[in-house]
Amino acid sequence: MHYYIDGYNLLFKVSFQHKNLSLEEKRTRLIELLEQYASTYNLSLSLVFDGQDENSTQHFHSIEIVYTGSYQSADDYLIDLFSSLTHKKRAVLVTSDNKLRYTVQHMGFKSMSIEDFLHIAKKRRRKRTPKSASYQSTKKEEEHLPPLSDFSSWEKIFSDLMN
């Protein structure tokens, strides 16, 4: 399964608390965290960002990073990409952009929201973290996600995957 992630959609949904970071620094931190996650769980991920001067593709370890040119939005790039894919069960779009999700679903592909993707990450982390015998969490606590604006909590979730 390959996950195609709407990069800025994820970046802005999981707001960084560090206001002094530039957009490039925030993007780099997000890429590093996702790379740890992808490596730990042997996931295939592509992050798509828009707004560069030229269309370019880079790799950071196991993650493919696509920067669309100034002439094309990430949404248009993803629609074109999914239009060209032939194996519908091997690709999942990750975005909270409902219009984009609907378009890709209409083509026969799966999609999930950013919130669902982060929820899965948290569940995987919890499975890796042994519970203390003195503490048993309730189902309600396990289903609770930190607010998307609480980047430090999400950063910890992804960082703990490497431990």
Protein backbone atom coordinates (compact mmCIF):
# COMPACT_ATOMS: atom_id res chain seq x y z
CA MET A 1 0.00 0.00 0.00
CA HIS A 2 1.33 3.42 -0.93
CA TYR A 3 0.14 6.54 0.90
CA TYR A 4 0.08 9.81 -1.04
CA ILE A 5 -0.10 12.63 1.50
CA ASP A 6 -1.25 16.16 0.78
CA GLY A 7 1.82 17.72 2.41
CA TYR A 8 0.66 21.21 3.29
CA ASN A 9 -2.73 19.88 4.33
CA LEU A 10 -0.97 17.70 6.91
CA LEU A 11 1.50 20.42 7.89
CA PHE A 12 -1.21 22.99 8.55
CA LYS A 13 -3.55 20.52 10.28
CA VAL A 14 -0.77 19.61 12.69
CA SER A 15 0.24 23.16 13.50
CA PHE A 16 3.71 23.63 14.85
CA GLN A 17 3.84 25.37 18.20
CA HIS A 18 7.26 26.77 17.36
CA LYS A 19 6.29 30.06 15.78
CA ASN A 20 9.91 31.01 15.20
CA LEU A 21 10.39 28.22 12.63
CA SER A 22 10.25 29.09 8.96
CA LEU A 23 7.91 27.22 6.66
CA GLU A 24 10.90 25.31 5.29
CA GLU A 25 11.99 24.29 8.81
CA LYS A 26 8.47 23.14 9.67
CA ARG A 27 8.31 21.14 6.45
CA THR A 28 11.70 19.57 7.18
CA ARG A 29 10.64 18.54 10.70
CA LEU A 30 7.45 17.00 9.35
CA ILE A 31 9.40 15.06 6.71
CA GLU A 32 11.84 13.77 9.34
CA LEU A 33 9.01 12.62 11.62
CA LEU A 34 7.16 10.90 8.80
CA GLU A 35 10.36 9.21 7.67
CA GLN A 36 10.79 7.71 11.14
CA TYR A 37 7.19 6.51 11.03
CA ALA A 38 7.54 5.06 7.52
CA SER A 39 10.81 3.31 8.38
CA THR A 40 9.48 1.81 11.59
CA TYR A 41 6.38 0.39 9.94
CA ASN A 42 7.85 -0.27 6.50
CA LEU A 43 5.36 2.10 4.88
CA SER A 44 5.57 3.54 1.42
CA LEU A 45 4.85 7.29 1.55
CA SER A 46 4.87 10.21 -0.86
CA LEU A 47 4.42 13.77 0.35
CA VAL A 48 3.17 16.26 -2.22
CA PHE A 49 3.75 19.99 -1.67
CA ASP A 50 2.81 22.76 -4.08
CA GLY A 51 4.27 26.09 -5.01
CA GLN A 52 7.88 25.62 -6.06
CA ASP A 53 9.34 27.26 -9.17
CA GLU A 54 9.81 23.92 -10.90
CA ASN A 55 8.30 20.50 -10.47
CA SER A 56 10.82 18.30 -8.67
CA THR A 57 10.97 14.98 -6.90
CA GLN A 58 13.37 14.20 -4.07
CA HIS A 59 13.84 11.32 -1.70
CA PHE A 60 14.52 11.48 2.01
CA HIS A 61 15.41 7.93 2.93
CA SER A 62 12.19 5.99 2.29
CA ILE A 63 9.92 8.98 1.57
CA GLU A 64 9.31 10.44 -1.85
CA ILE A 65 8.84 14.21 -1.72
CA VAL A 66 7.20 15.93 -4.66
CA TYR A 67 7.18 19.69 -5.13
CA THR A 68 4.79 20.76 -7.85
CA GLY A 69 5.76 23.63 -10.07
CA SER A 70 4.21 27.04 -9.70
CA TYR A 71 1.88 26.18 -12.59
CA GLN A 72 0.23 23.24 -10.80
CA SER A 73 -1.35 22.82 -7.37
CA ALA A 74 -0.73 19.74 -5.23
CA ASP A 75 -4.44 18.91 -5.65
CA ASP A 76 -4.17 18.94 -9.45
CA TYR A 77 -0.95 16.93 -9.30
CA LEU A 78 -2.61 14.30 -7.08
CA ILE A 79 -5.67 14.09 -9.33
CA ASP A 80 -3.44 13.62 -12.40
CA LEU A 81 -1.35 11.05 -10.54
CA PHE A 82 -4.35 9.02 -9.37
CA SER A 83 -5.81 9.21 -12.91
CA SER A 84 -2.69 7.48 -14.20
CA LEU A 85 -2.51 4.72 -11.56
CA THR A 86 -3.80 1.29 -12.55
CA HIS A 87 -3.70 -0.60 -9.24
CA LYS A 88 -6.53 0.98 -7.28
CA LYS A 89 -6.05 -1.17 -4.19
CA ARG A 90 -2.39 -0.18 -3.78
CA ALA A 91 -2.82 3.58 -3.34
CA VAL A 92 -4.42 5.69 -0.62
CA LEU A 93 -4.80 9.44 -0.60
CA VAL A 94 -4.32 11.16 2.76
CA THR A 95 -5.91 14.61 2.95
CA SER A 96 -8.65 16.45 4.76
CA ASP A 97 -9.58 18.32 1.59
CA ASN A 98 -13.06 16.88 1.04
CA LYS A 99 -13.27 17.88 -2.62
CA LEU A 100 -9.97 16.17 -3.39
CA ARG A 101 -10.96 13.07 -1.41
CA TYR A 102 -14.28 12.83 -3.24
CA THR A 103 -12.60 13.18 -6.64
CA VAL A 104 -10.13 10.37 -5.90
CA GLN A 105 -12.80 8.15 -4.34
CA HIS A 106 -14.94 8.67 -7.44
CA MET A 107 -12.02 7.22 -9.46
CA GLY A 108 -12.22 4.08 -7.30
CA PHE A 109 -9.34 4.75 -4.90
CA LYS A 110 -9.30 4.77 -1.12
CA SER A 111 -8.71 7.93 0.84
CA MET A 112 -8.49 8.92 4.47
CA SER A 113 -8.50 12.16 6.36
CA ILE A 114 -5.42 13.56 8.06
CA GLU A 115 -7.16 12.90 11.38
CA ASP A 116 -7.67 9.21 10.50
CA PHE A 117 -4.04 8.89 9.41
CA LEU A 118 -2.84 10.40 12.70
CA HIS A 119 -5.23 8.19 14.66
CA ILE A 120 -3.72 5.10 13.01
CA ALA A 121 -0.23 6.39 13.86
CA LYS A 122 -1.23 6.80 17.48
CA LYS A 123 -2.76 3.30 17.61
CA ARG A 124 0.43 1.79 16.15
CA ARG A 125 2.52 3.66 18.70
CA ARG A 126 0.33 2.41 21.52
CA LYS A 127 0.72 -1.20 20.35
CA ARG A 128 4.52 -0.80 20.50
CA THR A 129 4.52 0.82 23.94
CA PRO A 130 4.20 -1.72 26.78
CA LYS A 131 1.64 -0.73 29.38
CA SER A 132 2.61 -0.50 32.99
CA ALA A 133 1.02 -3.18 35.12
CA SER A 134 -0.11 -0.48 37.53
CA TYR A 135 -1.99 1.49 34.89
CA GLN A 136 -4.76 0.27 32.65
CA SER A 137 -6.09 2.87 30.27
CA THR A 138 -9.74 2.95 29.42
CA LYS A 139 -11.04 2.62 25.90
CA LYS A 140 -12.19 6.23 26.05
CA GLU A 141 -8.65 7.39 26.89
CA GLU A 142 -7.19 5.29 24.08
CA GLU A 143 -9.53 6.83 21.52
CA HIS A 144 -8.67 10.39 22.60
CA LEU A 145 -6.41 12.18 20.19
CA PRO A 146 -4.51 15.33 21.05
CA PRO A 147 -5.78 18.41 19.24
CA LEU A 148 -4.29 18.82 15.79
CA SER A 149 -2.89 22.17 16.92
CA ASP A 150 -0.80 20.44 19.61
CA PHE A 151 2.23 19.65 17.49
CA SER A 152 4.41 18.72 20.45
CA SER A 153 2.06 15.80 21.25
CA TRP A 154 2.08 14.62 17.64
CA GLU A 155 5.85 15.05 17.48
CA LYS A 156 6.14 12.78 20.55
CA ILE A 157 3.84 10.19 18.98
CA PHE A 158 6.00 9.98 15.85
CA SER A 159 9.30 10.25 17.76
CA ASP A 160 8.33 7.45 20.17
CA LEU A 161 7.93 5.11 17.22
CA MET A 162 11.72 4.85 17.07
CA ASN A 163 12.07 3.74 20.70
